[in-house]
Protein backbone atom coordinates (compact mmCIF):
# COMPACT_ATOMS: atom_id res chain seq x y z
CA MET A 1 7.56 22.44 -35.36
CA ARG A 2 5.36 19.50 -36.53
CA THR A 3 3.09 19.51 -39.47
CA ILE A 4 -0.43 19.12 -38.48
CA THR A 5 -3.05 17.79 -41.05
CA ASP A 6 -6.68 18.85 -41.49
CA GLU A 7 -7.59 15.31 -40.31
CA VAL A 8 -5.67 15.59 -36.86
CA ILE A 9 -7.33 18.91 -36.39
CA ARG A 10 -10.79 17.37 -37.13
CA GLN A 11 -10.20 14.40 -34.80
CA THR A 12 -8.79 16.67 -31.91
CA LEU A 13 -11.79 19.27 -32.25
CA SER A 14 -14.26 16.28 -32.09
CA ARG A 15 -12.91 15.60 -28.41
CA ILE A 16 -13.25 19.30 -27.27
CA ARG A 17 -15.33 19.94 -24.02
CA GLN A 18 -16.58 22.58 -21.92
CA TYR A 19 -14.63 24.07 -18.93
CA SER A 20 -14.81 27.18 -16.85
CA VAL A 21 -12.09 29.61 -16.45
CA VAL A 22 -11.70 31.69 -13.25
CA ILE A 23 -9.75 34.82 -13.05
CA LEU A 24 -8.90 35.54 -9.44
CA LYS A 25 -8.37 39.18 -8.50
CA ALA A 26 -7.55 41.14 -5.39
CA GLY A 27 -10.69 42.17 -3.50
CA PRO A 28 -11.73 45.05 -1.60
CA ASN A 29 -10.56 43.53 1.64
CA LYS A 30 -7.08 42.52 0.17
CA ASP A 31 -5.20 44.08 2.99
CA LYS A 32 -7.26 42.48 5.93
CA ASN A 33 -5.38 41.58 8.78
CA ASP A 34 -5.88 37.99 8.86
CA ARG A 35 -5.60 37.63 5.17
CA GLU A 36 -2.52 35.11 5.46
CA LYS A 37 -4.37 32.63 7.40
CA ILE A 38 -7.52 32.90 5.24
CA THR A 39 -5.35 32.85 2.22
CA TRP A 40 -3.90 29.58 3.67
CA GLU A 41 -7.47 28.10 3.84
CA HIS A 42 -7.96 29.18 0.17
CA VAL A 43 -4.97 27.22 -0.81
CA ARG A 44 -5.89 24.27 1.29
CA ARG A 45 -9.26 24.37 -0.52
CA ASN A 46 -7.75 24.48 -4.04
CA PHE A 47 -5.59 21.56 -3.08
CA ALA A 48 -8.62 19.65 -2.10
CA LEU A 49 -10.35 20.77 -5.27
CA ARG A 50 -7.28 19.69 -7.34
CA ALA A 51 -7.12 16.16 -5.54
CA ASP A 52 -10.87 15.75 -6.54
CA GLY A 53 -10.36 16.57 -10.11
CA VAL A 54 -12.52 19.59 -9.88
CA LEU A 55 -9.66 22.05 -10.53
CA PRO A 56 -7.02 20.35 -12.62
CA ILE A 57 -5.29 23.47 -13.36
CA VAL A 58 -4.24 26.21 -10.68
CA CYS A 59 -1.88 29.17 -11.83
CA ALA A 60 -0.74 31.73 -9.50
CA ILE A 61 0.02 34.95 -11.10
CA SER A 62 2.87 36.93 -9.51
CA ASP A 63 3.31 39.92 -11.96
CA GLY A 64 2.13 42.46 -9.58
CA SER A 65 -1.01 43.23 -11.11
CA ASP A 66 -4.49 42.75 -9.61
CA VAL A 67 -4.84 39.39 -11.19
CA LEU A 68 -3.87 36.91 -8.66
CA GLY A 69 -4.49 33.62 -10.32
CA ILE A 70 -6.13 31.53 -13.06
CA GLY A 71 -8.09 28.26 -12.73
CA ILE A 72 -9.50 25.85 -14.95
CA PHE A 73 -12.48 24.11 -13.41
CA SER A 74 -13.80 20.78 -14.73
CA ALA A 75 -17.45 22.14 -14.13
CA THR A 76 -20.14 24.26 -15.62
CA VAL A 77 -20.13 28.10 -15.09
CA GLU A 78 -22.93 27.88 -12.49
CA GLU A 79 -21.09 24.99 -10.68
CA THR A 80 -18.03 27.06 -10.64
CA LYS A 81 -19.78 30.07 -9.29
CA GLU A 82 -21.30 27.91 -6.33
CA ILE A 83 -17.69 26.58 -5.51
CA MET A 84 -16.09 30.02 -5.65
CA ASP A 85 -18.78 31.92 -3.50
CA GLN A 86 -17.71 29.26 -0.79
CA ASP A 87 -14.20 30.14 -1.08
CA PRO A 88 -12.69 31.57 2.33
CA GLY A 89 -10.92 34.46 0.59
CA VAL A 90 -13.80 35.31 -1.71
CA LYS A 91 -16.24 35.08 1.31
CA ALA A 92 -13.97 37.40 3.32
CA GLY A 93 -13.57 39.82 0.27
CA ILE A 94 -9.87 39.38 -0.02
CA PHE A 95 -10.57 37.92 -3.50
CA VAL A 96 -13.06 38.58 -6.20
CA TYR A 97 -13.43 36.56 -9.26
CA GLU A 98 -14.68 36.24 -12.80
CA VAL A 99 -15.89 33.06 -14.40
CA HIS A 100 -15.92 32.52 -18.16
CA ALA A 101 -17.00 29.38 -20.16
CA GLY A 102 -14.06 27.92 -22.09
CA ARG A 103 -13.43 24.97 -24.21
CA SER A 104 -10.22 22.73 -24.36
CA PHE A 105 -8.90 19.20 -24.87
CA PRO A 106 -9.42 16.43 -22.20
CA GLY A 107 -6.03 15.45 -20.84
CA ASP A 108 -4.21 18.70 -21.62
CA SER A 109 -1.74 19.43 -18.92
CA LEU A 110 1.10 21.55 -18.10
CA PRO A 111 4.47 20.07 -18.93
CA GLU A 112 6.76 18.90 -15.99
């Protein structure tokens, strides 16, 4: 493990910025008949948000819990709520979500 100096920590912390963290959960209509079609449109929308840089991190959860995914939005909590309220899966009640203010370092990413 690398040794991290106080100076490295201070420099890195000076770059921190606000993000919004979404926790996507199963909604009351999770068993809706046309959920596959609606979920596909939810995925398409996430791809577009990702391509636009609004949703740089998308992580599907597959552990069998009611948590279905986590997303990191490069937007305020209010903007993220507006975006999520227009999601086809949320509108259909297949998904519900929580939004939390978060902080992280620009440029962080998942490893290849």
